[in-house]
Amino acid sequence: MKNTGRWVAGSVLAVVALSACVVAWWVPSDAELAARVGAEFEKSTGIGLKVGKLNWTLFPTARVVLEDVATVQDEPIRVGRLEINPKLRPLLSREIQVDSVVADGVALPRASVRAFRGRTEPSTKPTGNWTLAATPVQQVRFTELTWVDRRDIPLAYDGRVDFDPKWRPRTAEFSRHGVTPPARLRLEREGDADRWRTLVDVAGGTWNGTSELAVQKDDTLLLTAQLAPRNVDIEQLMKTFDRSAPVAGKVNGRSELRASGANVAELWRNATTRTRFAVQPATLTRFDLAKAIKSAGTSRGGRTPLDELTGTLDTEGTDDGMRFRYIGLKARSGLLTASGSATIYHRAIDGEVAVDIVDGVVGVPLKVSGSLDDPTLSLTGAALTGAAVGTAVLPGVGTAIGARIGQQVERLFGGDAKKPAPKGPRAP
């Protein structure tokens, strides 16, 4: 298919690898070759490259090894060691065919990687009289490849990809480096189709399904996936990626992924997902609904046990991070029911919750705001007028109903259910 080589085009490591292999055939000096690689890289990207050490051999096997490689940036992209093993016989015929590319100790600061956008034009065609083999690179392996996100949180990964012709992965495996229990993604190609069995082991559960790749009419790529989370521990899942969770429990459901773009980088940036989920039982680890309702004011911290939490989570990649939208949220705890929605972006949360606590009729609206680490629950302006629910006057409702709400809250969250209701005028 046309332009299928875009799977790896534009990759910094691939540019260095293929350039080094071609140049190594002509330049005998390690020092000259290192300088040439740096010069060609800067010419192609506009960003300088320093190579601490380079050596190459042709016999008995062809090999190029680069060490202490770093881009010339405020926060450099670094590669501790990069080894390229081209096949010698094809080289003699001026054909590029690489057995393996192995990278160790790669650091990818997000801002530095973003600086390469638009600086290179992806191309899978070698220059001069050189040609590409049907499978230009048979295997790529990396250890401790560390992505540093916008919050300067480093996450290290190990991985391996074995390629079929046209840059199609035959098998692939990616895992979080040094994480227990293991967090691992595996891809297994189904025959010659652009379809992969997708197996995810994470947080004591699985997230398995299938993934498919298609080339659209405009020659862009379309990646779709259907996955099913089963018994995934939410707190452990977030801990795996050095995050904390606002919800505790084990999630089950169904996920859909869709991404389109001209290359792998664009697929990653444009990916959207939708997950319909159920957590039974669940715990809100940042909110105390009872405290917020009883105080009729602003509340921070606390926990709320739930029999069940269901809803839909949509994620959307943006140029400045991931946006999370929770819609159709439904929670149940004994006689309490609640519904709501929320958006999380840059770890700021904005949402609303309606809590029904009197025979499923009276709804108490709550506003969720603040940061994900320190969220705030507060009653909305039109919800109540008074100091506490037990004696407040709801708009159009007397304190008798307010008293019932107060009693029900006590009953639901461990208070004295036999405590008599305060006296007051009847509801109109």
Protein backbone atom coordinates (compact mmCIF):
# COMPACT_ATOMS: atom_id res chain seq x y z
CA MET A 1 0.00 0.00 0.00
CA LYS A 2 1.10 3.52 -0.71
CA ASN A 3 3.15 5.25 1.99
CA THR A 4 2.82 2.39 4.49
CA GLY A 5 6.42 3.10 5.51
CA ARG A 6 5.03 5.99 7.53
CA TRP A 7 4.86 3.62 10.45
CA VAL A 8 8.43 4.59 11.39
CA ALA A 9 9.14 7.60 9.15
CA GLY A 10 10.09 10.66 11.09
CA SER A 11 11.36 8.64 14.04
CA VAL A 12 14.53 10.17 15.38
CA LEU A 13 16.13 6.83 16.12
CA ALA A 14 15.28 5.46 12.70
CA VAL A 15 16.83 8.48 10.98
CA VAL A 16 20.04 8.06 12.96
CA ALA A 17 20.08 4.30 12.40
CA LEU A 18 19.62 4.28 8.65
CA SER A 19 21.91 7.26 8.10
CA ALA A 20 24.65 5.63 10.12
CA CYS A 21 24.37 2.35 8.23
CA VAL A 22 24.64 4.00 4.82
CA VAL A 23 27.45 6.36 5.79
CA ALA A 24 29.41 3.58 7.49
CA TRP A 25 29.94 1.90 4.14
CA TRP A 26 31.87 4.87 2.80
CA VAL A 27 33.66 6.44 5.78
CA PRO A 28 36.41 4.41 7.46
CA SER A 29 37.10 6.70 10.44
CA ASP A 30 34.94 6.41 13.56
CA ALA A 31 35.49 10.08 14.41
CA GLU A 32 34.65 11.24 10.90
CA LEU A 33 31.59 9.04 10.84
CA ALA A 34 30.36 10.45 14.18
CA ALA A 35 30.79 14.00 12.89
CA ARG A 36 29.03 13.11 9.64
CA VAL A 37 26.04 11.59 11.47
CA GLY A 38 25.70 14.75 13.58
CA ALA A 39 25.97 17.02 10.54
CA GLU A 40 23.42 15.03 8.51
CA PHE A 41 21.02 14.99 11.44
CA GLU A 42 21.23 18.76 11.88
CA LYS A 43 20.85 19.31 8.14
CA SER A 44 17.69 17.19 8.14
CA THR A 45 16.06 18.53 11.32
CA GLY A 46 17.67 21.89 12.08
CA ILE A 47 18.61 20.58 15.54
CA GLY A 48 22.17 19.69 16.46
CA LEU A 49 23.27 16.21 17.50
CA LYS A 50 26.29 15.20 19.57
CA VAL A 51 27.66 11.66 19.34
CA GLY A 52 29.96 10.81 22.22
CA LYS A 53 31.38 7.69 20.62
CA LEU A 54 30.85 5.70 17.42
CA ASN A 55 32.47 2.58 16.07
CA TRP A 56 31.59 0.30 13.21
CA THR A 57 32.68 -2.97 11.70
CA LEU A 58 31.86 -4.89 8.53
CA PHE A 59 33.47 -8.25 9.32
CA PRO A 60 32.67 -10.80 10.53
CA THR A 61 29.28 -9.07 10.93
CA ALA A 62 28.27 -5.55 10.02
CA ARG A 63 27.51 -3.38 13.04
CA VAL A 64 27.32 0.30 13.95
CA VAL A 65 27.32 1.34 17.62
CA LEU A 66 26.66 4.88 18.84
CA GLU A 67 27.06 5.84 22.50
CA ASP A 68 26.17 8.93 24.53
CA VAL A 69 24.03 10.47 21.80
CA ALA A 70 22.24 13.74 22.66
CA THR A 71 20.39 16.44 20.79
CA VAL A 72 21.51 20.05 21.27
CA GLN A 73 18.47 21.30 23.22
CA ASP A 74 17.78 22.78 26.66
CA GLU A 75 16.51 19.33 27.70
CA PRO A 76 18.29 16.96 25.32
CA ILE A 77 16.86 13.80 23.90
CA ARG A 78 19.43 11.21 24.97
CA VAL A 79 20.36 7.71 23.88
CA GLY A 80 22.83 5.83 26.07
CA ARG A 81 23.59 3.21 23.45
CA LEU A 82 22.25 2.57 19.94
CA GLU A 83 23.28 -0.51 17.99
CA ILE A 84 22.40 -1.13 14.32
CA ASN A 85 23.04 -4.54 12.77
CA PRO A 86 22.65 -4.36 8.97
CA LYS A 87 22.90 -7.43 6.78
CA LEU A 88 26.21 -7.38 4.93
CA ARG A 89 25.24 -9.13 1.69
CA PRO A 90 22.42 -6.70 0.84
CA LEU A 91 24.79 -3.81 1.62
CA LEU A 92 27.13 -5.09 -1.07
CA SER A 93 24.18 -4.78 -3.45
CA ARG A 94 23.37 -1.27 -2.15
CA GLU A 95 20.20 -2.47 -0.46
CA ILE A 96 19.30 -1.43 3.09
CA GLN A 97 18.21 -4.40 5.18
CA VAL A 98 18.75 -4.30 8.94
CA ASP A 99 18.55 -7.33 11.19
CA SER A 100 17.99 -5.33 14.36
CA VAL A 101 18.09 -1.91 15.97
CA VAL A 102 18.71 -1.97 19.73
CA ALA A 103 18.44 1.13 21.93
CA ASP A 104 19.19 1.37 25.63
CA GLY A 105 18.77 4.27 28.03
CA VAL A 106 16.61 6.59 25.90
CA ALA A 107 15.28 9.81 27.45
CA LEU A 108 12.45 11.65 25.65
CA PRO A 109 11.46 14.93 27.30
CA ARG A 110 8.06 15.90 25.92
CA ALA A 111 8.97 19.51 25.05
CA SER A 112 12.11 18.41 23.20
CA VAL A 113 10.25 15.80 21.17
CA ARG A 114 7.59 18.38 20.25
CA ALA A 115 10.35 20.60 18.83
CA PHE A 116 10.78 18.13 15.93
CA ARG A 117 7.25 18.61 14.64
CA GLY A 118 7.29 19.90 11.08
CA ARG A 119 11.09 19.89 10.88
CA THR A 120 11.35 16.72 8.79
CA GLU A 121 9.43 15.43 5.82
CA PRO A 122 8.78 11.69 6.29
CA SER A 123 10.38 9.67 3.52
CA THR A 124 10.93 5.96 3.08
CA LYS A 125 13.01 6.29 -0.07
CA PRO A 126 16.79 6.10 0.32
CA THR A 127 19.00 8.53 -1.59
CA GLY A 128 21.37 7.80 -4.44
CA ASN A 129 21.35 4.30 -5.88
CA TRP A 130 20.34 2.66 -2.61
CA THR A 131 17.09 0.72 -2.27
CA LEU A 132 15.03 -0.50 0.67
CA ALA A 133 14.40 -4.19 1.24
CA ALA A 134 10.80 -5.39 1.51
CA THR A 135 11.40 -5.52 5.27
CA PRO A 136 13.99 -2.78 5.87
CA VAL A 137 14.20 -3.42 9.65
CA GLN A 138 13.33 -6.86 10.97
CA GLN A 139 13.41 -6.09 14.68
CA VAL A 140 13.53 -3.09 17.03
CA ARG A 141 14.26 -3.50 20.75
CA PHE A 142 14.59 -0.93 23.49
CA THR A 143 15.14 -0.92 27.25
CA GLU A 144 14.46 1.91 29.69
CA LEU A 145 12.97 4.23 27.12
CA THR A 146 11.80 7.05 29.37
CA TRP A 147 9.04 9.46 28.41
CA VAL A 148 8.99 12.67 30.50
CA ASP A 149 5.53 14.26 30.45
CA ARG A 150 4.41 17.87 30.86
CA ARG A 151 4.51 17.49 34.66
CA ASP A 152 8.10 16.17 34.51
CA ILE A 153 6.97 12.69 35.55
CA PRO A 154 9.30 10.10 33.97
CA LEU A 155 7.82 6.78 32.86
CA ALA A 156 10.21 4.08 31.63
CA TYR A 157 9.29 1.33 29.14
CA ASP A 158 10.85 -1.75 27.56
CA GLY A 159 9.76 -3.06 24.19
CA ARG A 160 10.29 -5.21 21.15
CA VAL A 161 8.72 -5.15 17.66
CA ASP A 162 9.23 -7.77 14.93
CA PHE A 163 8.28 -6.46 11.49
CA ASP A 164 6.68 -8.03 8.44
CA PRO A 165 6.99 -6.35 5.00
CA LYS A 166 5.59 -2.83 4.59
CA TRP A 167 6.46 -1.97 8.21
CA ARG A 168 3.64 -4.10 9.59
CA PRO A 169 4.37 -5.43 13.09
CA ARG A 170 4.18 -9.21 13.19
CA THR A 171 4.46 -9.26 16.98
CA ALA A 172 5.10 -6.52 19.50
CA GLU A 173 5.44 -6.25 23.25
CA PHE A 174 5.68 -3.15 25.43
CA SER A 175 5.90 -3.05 29.21
CA ARG A 176 6.43 -0.61 32.04
CA HIS A 177 10.03 -0.99 33.21
CA GLY A 178 10.42 -2.36 36.74
CA VAL A 179 6.70 -2.30 37.64
CA THR A 180 5.02 -4.91 39.88
CA PRO A 181 2.57 -6.40 39.09
CA PRO A 182 3.67 -6.34 35.45
CA ALA A 183 1.95 -3.96 33.04
CA ARG A 184 2.30 -5.32 29.52
CA LEU A 185 0.81 -4.83 26.05
CA ARG A 186 1.21 -7.55 23.39
CA LEU A 187 0.22 -7.49 19.73
CA GLU A 188 -0.07 -10.65 17.59
CA ARG A 189 -0.82 -10.26 13.89
CA GLU A 190 -3.64 -12.41 12.53
CA GLY A 191 -2.30 -13.88 9.27
CA ASP A 192 -1.51 -11.28 6.62
CA ALA A 193 -4.38 -8.98 7.60
CA ASP A 194 -3.80 -5.59 9.20
CA ARG A 195 -5.45 -6.91 12.32
CA TRP A 196 -3.82 -7.74 15.63
CA ARG A 197 -4.89 -9.69 18.66
CA THR A 198 -4.35 -7.19 21.48
CA LEU A 199 -3.53 -8.47 24.96
CA VAL A 200 -3.09 -6.17 27.96
CA ASP A 201 -2.13 -7.38 31.43
CA VAL A 202 -2.36 -4.57 33.98
CA ALA A 203 -3.24 -3.99 37.64
CA GLY A 204 -4.18 -7.61 38.30
CA GLY A 205 -6.66 -7.74 35.41
CA THR A 206 -6.80 -7.78 31.62
CA TRP A 207 -7.83 -5.35 28.86
CA ASN A 208 -7.95 -7.61 25.81
CA GLY A 209 -9.43 -7.33 22.33
CA THR A 210 -8.44 -6.61 18.73
CA SER A 211 -6.84 -3.72 16.82
CA GLU A 212 -7.09 -2.93 13.09
CA LEU A 213 -5.25 -0.60 10.72
CA ALA A 214 -6.64 0.73 7.44
CA VAL A 215 -5.34 3.10 4.77
CA GLN A 216 -8.02 5.65 3.88
CA LYS A 217 -8.78 7.19 0.51
CA ASP A 218 -6.66 10.25 1.29
CA ASP A 219 -3.75 7.88 2.11
CA THR A 220 -3.89 8.60 5.84
CA LEU A 221 -3.94 5.81 8.39
CA LEU A 222 -6.94 4.81 10.51
CA LEU A 223 -6.38 2.77 13.66
CA THR A 224 -9.33 1.27 15.55
CA ALA A 225 -9.49 -1.07 18.53
CA GLN A 226 -12.16 -2.88 20.54
CA LEU A 227 -11.05 -3.85 24.05
CA ALA A 228 -12.71 -5.16 27.20
CA PRO A 229 -11.36 -4.32 30.68
CA ARG A 230 -11.87 -7.18 33.16
CA ASN A 231 -11.23 -6.89 36.91
CA VAL A 232 -8.67 -4.09 36.56
CA ASP A 233 -7.83 -2.52 39.92
CA ILE A 234 -8.20 1.23 39.34
CA GLU A 235 -5.87 2.38 42.13
CA GLN A 236 -3.17 -0.08 41.03
CA LEU A 237 -3.65 0.96 37.40
CA MET A 238 -3.05 4.62 38.24
CA LYS A 239 -0.11 3.73 40.47
CA THR A 240 1.44 1.85 37.54
CA PHE A 241 1.72 5.20 35.75
CA ASP A 242 2.71 7.17 38.88
CA ARG A 243 -0.72 8.72 39.30
CA SER A 244 -3.30 8.66 42.08
CA ALA A 245 -6.91 7.56 41.58
CA PRO A 246 -10.11 9.41 42.58
CA VAL A 247 -11.97 6.08 42.53
CA ALA A 248 -11.10 2.73 44.10
CA GLY A 249 -12.45 -0.62 42.94
CA LYS A 250 -12.19 -3.05 40.05
CA VAL A 251 -13.46 -1.93 36.67
CA ASN A 252 -15.20 -3.96 33.97
CA GLY A 253 -16.60 -2.72 30.69
CA ARG A 254 -15.85 -2.12 27.03
CA SER A 255 -13.44 0.32 25.32
CA GLU A 256 -13.29 1.68 21.78
CA LEU A 257 -10.26 3.45 20.30
CA ARG A 258 -10.06 5.48 17.10
CA ALA A 259 -7.11 7.41 15.69
CA SER A 260 -6.22 8.82 12.28
CA GLY A 261 -3.16 10.53 10.87
CA ALA A 262 -0.38 10.49 8.32
CA ASN A 263 2.06 8.64 10.60
CA VAL A 264 2.42 6.99 13.99
CA ALA A 265 3.07 10.28 15.79
CA GLU A 266 -0.18 11.74 14.45
CA LEU A 267 -2.07 8.57 15.39
CA TRP A 268 -0.84 8.99 18.95
CA ARG A 269 -1.78 12.68 19.12
CA ASN A 270 -5.21 12.23 17.52
CA ALA A 271 -6.35 9.17 19.45
CA THR A 272 -9.77 9.19 21.11
CA THR A 273 -11.27 6.50 23.31
CA ARG A 274 -14.66 5.70 24.80
CA THR A 275 -15.02 3.31 27.74
CA ARG A 276 -18.36 2.24 29.19
CA PHE A 277 -17.55 1.02 32.67
CA ALA A 278 -18.96 -0.45 35.86
CA VAL A 279 -17.21 -0.59 39.24
CA GLN A 280 -18.84 -2.82 41.90
CA PRO A 281 -18.26 -1.96 44.72
CA ALA A 282 -16.54 1.43 44.42
CA THR A 283 -15.16 4.13 46.68
CA LEU A 284 -14.80 7.82 45.92
CA THR A 285 -11.38 8.51 47.43
CA ARG A 286 -11.52 12.31 47.31
CA PHE A 287 -15.14 13.12 48.16
CA ASP A 288 -17.37 12.81 51.23
CA LEU A 289 -20.90 13.29 49.87
CA ALA A 290 -22.48 13.00 53.33
CA LYS A 291 -20.28 15.74 54.75
CA ALA A 292 -20.97 18.06 51.82
CA ILE A 293 -24.75 17.61 52.09
CA LYS A 294 -24.96 17.85 55.89
CA SER A 295 -22.77 20.93 56.12
CA ALA A 296 -24.53 22.70 53.24
CA GLY A 297 -21.20 24.25 52.44
CA THR A 298 -17.81 23.63 50.90
CA SER A 299 -16.21 20.27 51.66
CA ARG A 300 -12.76 18.88 50.89
CA GLY A 301 -11.36 15.41 51.29
CA GLY A 302 -12.97 12.30 52.68
CA ARG A 303 -14.23 9.06 51.14
CA THR A 304 -17.63 7.81 49.99
CA PRO A 305 -18.33 4.06 49.76
CA LEU A 306 -20.63 3.05 46.91
CA ASP A 307 -22.36 -0.19 45.99
CA GLU A 308 -21.92 0.61 42.31
CA LEU A 309 -20.54 3.28 39.99
CA THR A 310 -21.25 3.25 36.26
CA GLY A 311 -20.76 5.66 33.37
CA THR A 312 -18.81 6.49 30.24
CA LEU A 313 -15.29 7.88 30.01
CA ASP A 314 -14.23 9.69 26.83
CA THR A 315 -10.59 10.66 26.30
CA GLU A 316 -9.23 13.01 23.68
CA GLY A 317 -5.62 13.79 22.84
CA THR A 318 -4.76 17.48 22.48
CA ASP A 319 -1.57 19.38 21.69
CA ASP A 320 -1.22 20.05 25.40
CA GLY A 321 -2.22 16.82 27.06
CA MET A 322 -5.15 14.45 27.46
CA ARG A 323 -8.70 15.60 28.19
CA PHE A 324 -11.02 13.26 30.15
CA ARG A 325 -14.80 13.54 30.07
CA TYR A 326 -17.01 11.48 32.39
CA ILE A 327 -20.62 11.42 31.24
CA GLY A 328 -23.74 9.60 32.41
CA LEU A 329 -22.24 8.85 35.81
CA LYS A 330 -24.56 6.87 38.10
CA ALA A 331 -23.77 5.97 41.70
CA ARG A 332 -25.69 3.90 44.21
CA SER A 333 -25.13 3.35 47.92
CA GLY A 334 -28.03 1.86 49.85
CA LEU A 335 -30.91 4.32 49.52
CA LEU A 336 -28.69 7.01 48.07
CA THR A 337 -28.46 7.51 44.32
CA ALA A 338 -26.45 10.12 42.45
CA SER A 339 -25.85 11.15 38.85
CA GLY A 340 -23.47 13.58 37.24
CA SER A 341 -20.71 14.43 34.80
CA ALA A 342 -17.19 15.86 34.99
CA THR A 343 -14.28 17.00 32.85
CA ILE A 344 -10.63 16.63 33.85
CA TYR A 345 -7.92 18.54 31.97
CA HIS A 346 -4.45 19.39 33.24
CA ARG A 347 -5.60 17.72 36.48
CA ALA A 348 -8.25 20.40 37.04
CA ILE A 349 -11.75 19.01 37.57
CA ASP A 350 -15.06 20.65 36.72
CA GLY A 351 -18.36 18.85 37.17
CA GLU A 352 -21.77 18.56 38.79
CA VAL A 353 -23.46 15.85 40.85
CA ALA A 354 -27.13 15.51 41.77
CA VAL A 355 -27.72 13.44 44.90
CA ASP A 356 -31.17 11.96 45.64
CA ILE A 357 -31.58 11.13 49.33
CA VAL A 358 -35.32 11.21 50.12
CA ASP A 359 -37.21 8.36 48.46
CA GLY A 360 -35.40 9.13 45.20
CA VAL A 361 -37.30 12.41 44.84
CA VAL A 362 -35.34 15.30 46.34
CA GLY A 363 -32.19 16.11 44.37
CA VAL A 364 -29.33 17.99 46.03
CA PRO A 365 -27.06 19.55 43.38
CA LEU A 366 -23.33 19.64 44.14
CA LYS A 367 -20.54 21.38 42.28
CA VAL A 368 -17.19 19.60 41.85
CA SER A 369 -14.18 21.88 41.26
CA GLY A 370 -10.52 22.38 42.11
CA SER A 371 -7.66 20.05 41.28
CA LEU A 372 -7.73 16.29 40.98
CA ASP A 373 -5.39 16.08 43.98
CA ASP A 374 -7.48 18.46 46.11
CA PRO A 375 -11.05 18.59 44.76
CA THR A 376 -13.83 20.64 46.32
CA LEU A 377 -17.48 19.69 46.76
CA SER A 378 -19.95 22.49 47.32
CA LEU A 379 -23.68 23.06 47.04
CA THR A 380 -24.69 25.05 43.98
CA GLY A 381 -26.06 28.54 44.55
CA ALA A 382 -29.69 27.61 43.96
CA ALA A 383 -29.56 24.38 45.95
CA LEU A 384 -30.09 25.54 49.52
CA THR A 385 -30.55 28.71 51.55
CA GLY A 386 -29.47 28.03 55.10
CA ALA A 387 -26.64 26.85 57.28
CA ALA A 388 -27.39 23.11 57.34
CA VAL A 389 -29.62 20.70 55.47
CA GLY A 390 -31.43 19.61 58.61
CA THR A 391 -32.84 23.10 59.21
CA ALA A 392 -32.50 24.69 55.80
CA VAL A 393 -35.34 25.98 53.67
CA LEU A 394 -35.23 24.54 50.18
CA PRO A 395 -36.66 26.84 47.50
CA GLY A 396 -40.40 26.31 47.81
CA VAL A 397 -40.02 23.58 50.46
CA GLY A 398 -40.34 24.01 54.22
CA THR A 399 -38.04 22.80 56.98
CA ALA A 400 -40.07 19.63 57.48
CA ILE A 401 -38.61 18.28 54.24
CA GLY A 402 -35.22 19.70 55.30
CA ALA A 403 -35.52 17.72 58.51
CA ARG A 404 -36.28 14.52 56.56
CA ILE A 405 -33.17 15.09 54.45
CA GLY A 406 -31.09 15.53 57.56
CA GLN A 407 -32.47 12.31 59.04
CA GLN A 408 -31.88 10.37 55.84
CA VAL A 409 -28.27 11.52 55.62
CA GLU A 410 -27.70 10.37 59.19
CA ARG A 411 -29.28 7.05 58.36
CA LEU A 412 -27.32 6.48 55.19
CA PHE A 413 -23.92 7.40 56.54
CA GLY A 414 -23.88 5.90 60.00
CA GLY A 415 -25.66 8.49 62.14
CA ASP A 416 -28.39 7.95 64.73
CA ALA A 417 -31.46 6.85 62.74
CA LYS A 418 -33.68 7.13 65.84
CA LYS A 419 -32.90 10.78 66.52
CA PRO A 420 -36.19 12.73 66.34
CA ALA A 421 -36.62 15.29 63.60
CA PRO A 422 -36.54 18.97 64.65
CA LYS A 423 -39.90 20.60 64.77
CA GLY A 424 -40.82 23.28 62.30
CA PRO A 425 -43.62 24.59 60.14
CA ARG A 426 -45.20 22.25 57.68
CA ALA A 427 -44.34 22.38 54.04
CA PRO A 428 -46.74 24.60 52.11
